[in-house]
Structures are given as C-alpha cells and as structure tokens.
Amino acid sequence: LRAVREFMDSKGFIEIDTPVLQPIYGGANARPFKTFLHDLKLDIYLRISDELYLKRLMVGGFDKVYEIGRDFRNESITRLRNPEFTMMESYWAYVDYNDMMELTEDLFNYVAKKVFGTTKFKIGNNNIDVKKPWKRMTMKDALMKFANLDIDKKNDTDLMHLLEKNNIQTEEFSRGIAMEHLFKTLVEPKLIQPIFIIDYPKESTPLCKMKRGNSELIERFEPFINGWEMGNAYSELNDPIIQRDLLTKQAEQLNKGKEDAHPLDEDFIRAIEIGMPPMGGLGIGIDRMVMFLTGKESIRDVIAFP
C-alpha cells in the first residue's frame, strides 16, 4: 500500500476520501448493502465504488485524483471475492484508456521492484513476469485465440445455444452480454501472463466512451494475471445526454429486478452537464494485487479478518 501511494503521488495524483455512506450508489454492477440514517430518515448504501464522487472532483477542477479504500458488494463469497475489499481508483484528465494501460503497467512494475526487487513471481505452477510491455488483445480476438470462437460468425440462436451448453444464465439476452459471459467462462482462466483485454461490448457498462470507429464496442480494458481480473478501466464517458440515456436504461432494469444495475444519479449527471473533462479512469483490486505478489491463491489469506 505504501508503494502504491508512493507511485501515484510521484505521478502527480492527489489522494482524496469520498463518502462511504451514499444516498445513491453507483460506479459498478453490484448489489449494495443497505442501511438507514435515522437523523435524516434516509435510506443509504455502503459504496460499491468510489467512481461517481471522484468524477465530481474532476468536474470541480482536479486533474489527477485517486483513492485507496474499502468498497462493499453484497454478493457471492469466493476464493477471489470478499464482501468488503480494498480498491484503488484513479482518474486522469485529458488522457484515454491507452494512457491508463501504461499507468497500470508502470504501477505493477514499481510495486513489484520496490517491495520484492523483481518483476518475476511464481504462483501455483505458474511463473509470471510483470515486466512491461504487457500484451494487448481485443475481447473478440481473445475468444478466437483461447476458445476458437468467432463471435461475428455466430447468429443469436448460436450464441444462446453456446450459453446453454456452458451453463451460463443471463437475465436478458444481447449479443454483447453473451460475448462477455462466454469470455468470462471460456477465456479468463487461461490468461496467465499479464495481458490487457480491450474493447468490450457496449452493454457491459454505462459509464464508458464508445470505441472510436465502432459504436458496438467501448474503450474499456481489464488487466488479467494468473487467470484473475486485476482491475477495470475506461475512456470515461463525459457526454451528459448519452450518460442520462444509459443510466435511465439501467434504472429501468433495476426497477424490473436486476439487482446489480445502476440507479439514476441526477447529481452526477448534473455535474457532467456543468463540464467534465475527457479522462481515463482505472480501478485496481488491491487485495488481488497482494494475492498475486505474495503467491496466495485465496483472498482470505491477504485480509486480516475475512
């Protein structure tokens, strides 16, 4: 944690705390923890992400911000997931997801060398080197390489059969959602050496800019090491009209029972209307980073009280 802070501070980022108790949660697809603020007679939520408040700071005039803190997601407990976990989120004005990939490589390299004096690690049976540059591959290309699956040559019926064959259940079908679910099941466990999977389907998040030249995709990446998703990053959406439309659709899904959909945050949209600069955003799961660097295969081994 000290090394992460040293790196971010050296790059000119300012660490700022954002609210843990929030009247409207957002910034990720997750079911929240809900509680009640008696003095204001108000339902509130433990944050699932720091994103929407850090972006408000960008509107307020900060060009580089980050926060390291606890987030809370009321979902499954697994070898890689704990209901409360430590996240580092950062936002950088006037850059895009390409710059955030370089920042991610540099962060892992700095922490590895600072704490362990090497970029080479062994976890389980895998020898892994985080030395930059990391490979970059689109989600479609990864499906082709690791699962021999050409998404573009499959019609909707083919994709539904593939989901059923792999015991993948979705609340509603779209080609983008099918692609993301098939990637998670068929490809993620095979991504051992550090790699950025880029250009996700637009249905995967409402907070990201469209891919330049392809409106069906978004400028999003996730870094993977040892078959684990280590983070999430975008070229951030800063068009208030598009953002309102996407969050309205998410709120409709939430009202229909999709528990991990986003609610509509009017204050956040109003902030974008005032003027949010184009920016890159990055979230890194600190617990998973520590798991990898220390050779642990369960998140319970790196949290003092899991």
Protein backbone atom coordinates (compact mmCIF):
# COMPACT_ATOMS: atom_id res chain seq x y z
CA LEU A 1 0.00 0.00 0.00
CA ARG A 2 2.85 2.40 0.77
CA ALA A 3 4.43 1.58 -2.59
CA VAL A 4 1.13 2.13 -4.44
CA ARG A 5 0.74 5.52 -2.76
CA GLU A 6 4.36 6.46 -3.48
CA PHE A 7 3.85 5.65 -7.16
CA MET A 8 0.56 7.53 -7.51
CA ASP A 9 1.89 10.55 -5.59
CA SER A 10 5.03 10.62 -7.75
CA LYS A 11 2.80 10.82 -10.85
CA GLY A 12 1.05 13.92 -9.51
CA PHE A 13 -2.17 12.28 -8.32
CA ILE A 14 -3.87 13.65 -5.20
CA GLU A 15 -5.49 11.19 -2.78
CA ILE A 16 -8.93 12.34 -1.62
CA ASP A 17 -11.50 10.50 0.51
CA THR A 18 -15.04 10.14 -0.83
CA PRO A 19 -18.20 9.11 1.10
CA VAL A 20 -18.60 5.51 2.20
CA LEU A 21 -22.26 6.14 3.10
CA GLN A 22 -24.08 7.22 -0.06
CA PRO A 23 -27.71 8.12 -0.77
CA ILE A 24 -27.31 6.70 -4.30
CA TYR A 25 -24.74 4.03 -5.07
CA GLY A 26 -23.07 3.52 -8.43
CA GLY A 27 -19.89 3.05 -10.42
CA ALA A 28 -20.09 -0.74 -10.76
CA ASN A 29 -22.54 -3.55 -11.39
CA ALA A 30 -23.13 -4.91 -7.89
CA ARG A 31 -25.81 -5.48 -5.27
CA PRO A 32 -25.25 -2.98 -2.42
CA PHE A 33 -25.51 -3.17 1.35
CA LYS A 34 -28.39 -1.01 2.55
CA THR A 35 -28.81 0.76 5.88
CA PHE A 36 -30.79 3.65 7.41
CA LEU A 37 -29.66 7.09 8.55
CA HIS A 38 -32.01 7.84 11.44
CA ASP A 39 -31.32 11.57 11.83
CA LEU A 40 -32.33 12.30 8.24
CA LYS A 41 -34.88 9.45 7.96
CA LEU A 42 -32.98 8.35 4.84
CA ASP A 43 -32.15 5.02 3.24
CA ILE A 44 -28.43 4.94 2.42
CA TYR A 45 -25.96 2.46 0.98
CA LEU A 46 -22.38 1.41 1.59
CA ARG A 47 -20.42 2.38 -1.51
CA ILE A 48 -19.79 -0.24 -4.17
CA SER A 49 -17.30 2.05 -5.92
CA ASP A 50 -15.62 5.46 -5.45
CA GLU A 51 -16.16 6.40 -9.10
CA LEU A 52 -19.04 8.85 -9.21
CA TYR A 53 -17.64 11.03 -6.40
CA LEU A 54 -14.09 11.05 -7.76
CA LYS A 55 -15.54 12.19 -11.10
CA ARG A 56 -17.35 15.03 -9.32
CA LEU A 57 -13.91 16.15 -8.11
CA MET A 58 -12.71 16.20 -11.72
CA VAL A 59 -15.61 18.49 -12.58
CA GLY A 60 -14.50 20.63 -9.62
CA GLY A 61 -11.09 21.23 -11.17
CA PHE A 62 -8.80 18.40 -10.07
CA ASP A 63 -6.84 16.87 -12.96
CA LYS A 64 -5.46 13.75 -11.21
CA VAL A 65 -7.17 12.10 -8.24
CA TYR A 66 -7.12 8.70 -6.57
CA GLU A 67 -8.46 6.95 -3.51
CA ILE A 68 -7.50 3.75 -1.72
CA GLY A 69 -10.30 2.48 0.47
CA ARG A 70 -12.88 -0.16 1.29
CA ASP A 71 -15.74 -0.93 -1.05
CA PHE A 72 -18.69 -3.18 -0.21
CA ARG A 73 -20.59 -5.51 -2.52
CA ASN A 74 -23.38 -7.73 -1.24
CA GLU A 75 -22.63 -10.70 -3.45
CA SER A 76 -21.00 -14.12 -3.53
CA ILE A 77 -18.02 -15.02 -1.34
CA THR A 78 -15.40 -16.96 -3.30
CA ARG A 79 -11.67 -17.59 -3.43
CA LEU A 80 -11.33 -14.26 -5.26
CA ARG A 81 -14.18 -12.26 -3.69
CA ASN A 82 -14.88 -10.85 -0.25
CA PRO A 83 -17.94 -8.67 0.55
CA GLU A 84 -15.64 -5.86 1.73
CA PHE A 85 -12.41 -5.34 -0.16
CA THR A 86 -9.77 -2.70 -0.86
CA MET A 87 -9.83 -0.80 -4.14
CA MET A 88 -7.59 1.84 -5.65
CA GLU A 89 -9.49 4.08 -8.07
CA SER A 90 -7.89 6.89 -10.06
CA TYR A 91 -8.92 9.45 -12.70
CA TRP A 92 -6.68 11.46 -15.01
CA ALA A 93 -7.91 14.34 -17.15
CA TYR A 94 -7.17 14.66 -20.88
CA VAL A 95 -6.00 11.07 -21.43
CA ASP A 96 -7.76 7.89 -22.55
CA TYR A 97 -7.65 4.15 -21.85
CA ASN A 98 -4.34 3.75 -23.70
CA ASP A 99 -2.64 6.02 -21.15
CA MET A 100 -4.30 4.11 -18.29
CA MET A 101 -2.83 0.86 -19.64
CA GLU A 102 0.64 2.37 -19.41
CA LEU A 103 -0.14 3.64 -15.90
CA THR A 104 -1.21 0.11 -14.88
CA GLU A 105 1.98 -1.47 -16.26
CA ASP A 106 4.12 1.13 -14.52
CA LEU A 107 2.23 0.69 -11.23
CA PHE A 108 2.73 -3.09 -11.12
CA ASN A 109 6.38 -2.74 -12.16
CA TYR A 110 7.05 -0.10 -9.50
CA VAL A 111 5.39 -2.03 -6.66
CA ALA A 112 7.00 -5.34 -7.66
CA LYS A 113 10.50 -3.87 -7.78
CA LYS A 114 10.05 -1.63 -4.72
CA VAL A 115 8.74 -4.37 -2.41
CA PHE A 116 10.32 -7.54 -3.86
CA GLY A 117 13.19 -6.32 -6.06
CA THR A 118 11.97 -8.33 -9.07
CA THR A 119 9.27 -8.46 -11.73
CA LYS A 120 9.20 -12.28 -11.73
CA PHE A 121 6.84 -14.22 -9.48
CA LYS A 122 5.62 -17.79 -9.01
CA ILE A 123 2.05 -18.54 -8.02
CA GLY A 124 0.91 -22.14 -8.03
CA ASN A 125 2.61 -23.76 -11.02
CA ASN A 126 2.84 -20.53 -13.00
CA ASN A 127 5.98 -18.43 -13.45
CA ILE A 128 4.81 -14.91 -14.27
CA ASP A 129 6.72 -11.76 -15.26
CA VAL A 130 5.02 -8.35 -14.90
CA LYS A 131 7.77 -6.56 -16.84
CA LYS A 132 6.33 -4.11 -19.36
CA PRO A 133 5.07 -4.02 -22.03
CA TRP A 134 2.08 -6.32 -21.44
CA LYS A 135 0.19 -7.90 -24.33
CA ARG A 136 -2.98 -6.22 -25.55
CA MET A 137 -5.80 -8.19 -27.15
CA THR A 138 -9.42 -7.40 -28.00
CA MET A 139 -12.12 -9.50 -26.37
CA LYS A 140 -13.14 -10.84 -29.79
CA ASP A 141 -9.56 -11.87 -30.61
CA ALA A 142 -9.18 -13.50 -27.18
CA LEU A 143 -12.30 -15.58 -27.79
CA MET A 144 -10.87 -16.65 -31.13
CA LYS A 145 -7.41 -17.50 -29.76
CA PHE A 146 -8.33 -19.20 -26.49
CA ALA A 147 -11.78 -20.64 -27.26
CA ASN A 148 -11.70 -20.97 -31.06
CA LEU A 149 -14.89 -18.91 -31.13
CA ASP A 150 -15.57 -16.35 -33.87
CA ILE A 151 -18.38 -14.27 -32.37
CA ASP A 152 -19.10 -12.42 -35.62
CA LYS A 153 -19.87 -15.70 -37.42
CA LYS A 154 -22.44 -16.77 -34.81
CA ASN A 155 -26.07 -15.68 -35.01
CA ASP A 156 -28.21 -15.03 -31.93
CA THR A 157 -29.52 -18.60 -31.83
CA ASP A 158 -25.96 -19.97 -31.97
CA LEU A 159 -24.94 -17.76 -29.06
CA MET A 160 -27.95 -18.78 -26.98
CA HIS A 161 -27.06 -22.43 -27.57
CA LEU A 162 -23.46 -21.73 -26.52
CA LEU A 163 -24.65 -20.06 -23.30
CA GLU A 164 -26.87 -23.04 -22.54
CA LYS A 165 -24.11 -25.53 -23.35
CA ASN A 166 -21.78 -23.80 -20.88
CA ASN A 167 -24.47 -23.47 -18.16
CA ILE A 168 -24.39 -19.67 -18.41
CA GLN A 169 -27.58 -17.94 -17.31
CA THR A 170 -28.41 -14.34 -18.26
CA GLU A 171 -31.38 -12.25 -17.18
CA GLU A 172 -31.79 -10.93 -20.72
CA PHE A 173 -30.09 -11.75 -23.99
CA SER A 174 -28.00 -9.46 -26.16
CA ARG A 175 -25.01 -10.26 -28.32
CA GLY A 176 -22.74 -8.08 -26.19
CA ILE A 177 -23.80 -9.68 -22.90
CA ALA A 178 -23.42 -13.14 -24.45
CA MET A 179 -19.92 -12.26 -25.65
CA GLU A 180 -18.86 -11.02 -22.21
CA HIS A 181 -20.25 -14.09 -20.40
CA LEU A 182 -18.62 -16.50 -22.84
CA PHE A 183 -15.33 -14.65 -22.42
CA LYS A 184 -15.52 -14.91 -18.62
CA THR A 185 -16.22 -18.64 -18.74
CA LEU A 186 -14.07 -19.82 -21.64
CA VAL A 187 -11.14 -17.39 -21.69
CA GLU A 188 -10.42 -15.71 -18.34
CA PRO A 189 -8.89 -18.79 -16.62
CA LYS A 190 -6.39 -19.11 -19.50
CA LEU A 191 -4.98 -15.58 -19.18
CA ILE A 192 -1.90 -16.40 -17.10
CA GLN A 193 0.77 -13.91 -18.22
CA PRO A 194 -0.11 -10.19 -17.80
CA ILE A 195 -2.46 -9.05 -20.55
CA PHE A 196 -4.90 -6.23 -21.24
CA ILE A 197 -8.20 -7.38 -22.73
CA ILE A 198 -9.60 -4.35 -24.55
CA ASP A 199 -12.69 -3.17 -26.44
CA TYR A 200 -15.62 -4.67 -24.55
CA PRO A 201 -19.24 -4.76 -25.82
CA LYS A 202 -21.18 -1.56 -25.14
CA GLU A 203 -23.71 -3.45 -22.97
CA SER A 204 -21.06 -4.21 -20.34
CA THR A 205 -21.10 -0.76 -18.68
CA PRO A 206 -23.00 2.55 -18.96
CA LEU A 207 -20.04 4.75 -17.91
CA CYS A 208 -17.61 4.29 -20.80
CA LYS A 209 -17.00 6.06 -24.12
CA MET A 210 -17.85 4.33 -27.36
CA LYS A 211 -14.96 2.82 -29.29
CA ARG A 212 -13.73 5.22 -31.95
CA GLY A 213 -14.81 3.72 -35.28
CA ASN A 214 -17.13 1.04 -33.80
CA SER A 215 -20.22 2.09 -31.85
CA GLU A 216 -20.95 -1.52 -30.77
CA LEU A 217 -17.81 -1.55 -28.59
CA ILE A 218 -16.48 0.65 -25.77
CA GLU A 219 -12.99 1.85 -24.86
CA ARG A 220 -12.66 -0.39 -21.83
CA PHE A 221 -9.93 -2.74 -20.66
CA GLU A 222 -9.33 -5.16 -17.85
CA PRO A 223 -5.85 -6.37 -16.82
CA PHE A 224 -5.55 -10.11 -16.18
CA ILE A 225 -2.80 -12.04 -14.38
CA ASN A 226 -2.89 -15.71 -13.38
CA GLY A 227 -6.43 -16.00 -14.76
CA TRP A 228 -7.61 -13.27 -12.40
CA GLU A 229 -9.20 -9.95 -13.30
CA MET A 230 -6.97 -7.40 -11.55
CA GLY A 231 -8.85 -4.22 -12.37
CA ASN A 232 -11.12 -2.29 -14.70
CA ALA A 233 -10.58 0.88 -16.73
CA TYR A 234 -12.23 3.11 -19.33
CA SER A 235 -12.01 6.12 -21.50
CA GLU A 236 -14.65 7.82 -19.37
CA LEU A 237 -17.97 8.91 -20.85
CA ASN A 238 -18.42 12.68 -20.41
CA ASP A 239 -21.41 13.38 -22.68
CA PRO A 240 -24.34 14.15 -20.33
CA ILE A 241 -27.02 13.37 -22.92
CA ILE A 242 -25.67 9.90 -23.66
CA GLN A 243 -24.94 9.33 -19.96
CA ARG A 244 -28.51 10.18 -18.94
CA ASP A 245 -29.91 7.81 -21.56
CA LEU A 246 -27.65 4.93 -20.47
CA LEU A 247 -28.27 5.41 -16.74
CA THR A 248 -32.02 5.75 -17.34
CA LYS A 249 -31.99 2.37 -19.08
CA GLN A 250 -30.00 0.91 -16.15
CA ALA A 251 -32.53 2.33 -13.67
CA GLU A 252 -35.35 0.68 -15.65
CA GLN A 253 -33.53 -2.65 -15.40
CA LEU A 254 -33.11 -2.09 -11.65
CA ASN A 255 -36.85 -1.45 -11.30
CA LYS A 256 -37.52 -4.70 -13.16
CA GLY A 257 -35.49 -6.64 -10.60
CA LYS A 258 -31.92 -6.63 -11.96
CA GLU A 259 -30.22 -6.21 -8.58
CA ASP A 260 -26.75 -5.26 -9.87
CA ALA A 261 -27.95 -2.47 -12.23
CA HIS A 262 -27.17 1.21 -11.63
CA PRO A 263 -29.73 3.61 -10.12
CA LEU A 264 -30.17 7.03 -11.77
CA ASP A 265 -27.88 9.63 -10.13
CA GLU A 266 -29.22 13.06 -11.09
CA ASP A 267 -26.47 14.93 -9.20
CA PHE A 268 -23.79 13.06 -11.14
CA ILE A 269 -25.44 13.84 -14.48
CA ARG A 270 -25.80 17.49 -13.45
CA ALA A 271 -22.07 17.56 -12.70
CA ILE A 272 -21.28 16.27 -16.20
CA GLU A 273 -23.59 18.94 -17.66
CA ILE A 274 -21.50 21.60 -15.91
CA GLY A 275 -18.48 20.19 -17.69
CA MET A 276 -16.43 17.04 -17.10
CA PRO A 277 -13.15 16.83 -19.00
CA PRO A 278 -12.34 13.81 -21.14
CA MET A 279 -10.38 11.43 -18.93
CA GLY A 280 -9.11 7.94 -18.27
CA GLY A 281 -10.22 6.01 -15.21
CA LEU A 282 -8.66 2.99 -13.51
CA GLY A 283 -9.69 0.71 -10.65
CA ILE A 284 -7.26 -1.88 -9.24
CA GLY A 285 -8.29 -4.58 -6.76
CA ILE A 286 -5.59 -4.17 -4.13
CA ASP A 287 -6.36 -7.50 -2.43
CA ARG A 288 -5.87 -9.41 -5.68
CA MET A 289 -2.70 -7.47 -6.40
CA VAL A 290 -1.36 -8.51 -2.98
CA MET A 291 -2.52 -12.11 -3.57
CA PHE A 292 -0.50 -12.27 -6.76
CA LEU A 293 2.63 -10.56 -5.44
CA THR A 294 2.72 -12.72 -2.29
CA GLY A 295 1.82 -16.00 -4.02
CA LYS A 296 -1.51 -16.56 -2.25
CA GLU A 297 -4.38 -18.28 -4.03
CA SER A 298 -7.23 -17.15 -1.76
CA ILE A 299 -8.29 -13.62 -0.87
CA ARG A 300 -8.80 -14.88 2.70
CA ASP A 301 -5.02 -15.15 3.03
CA VAL A 302 -4.42 -11.42 2.50
CA ILE A 303 -7.30 -9.90 4.53
CA ALA A 304 -6.71 -9.84 8.28
CA PHE A 305 -10.35 -10.56 9.15
CA PRO A 306 -12.11 -12.10 6.13
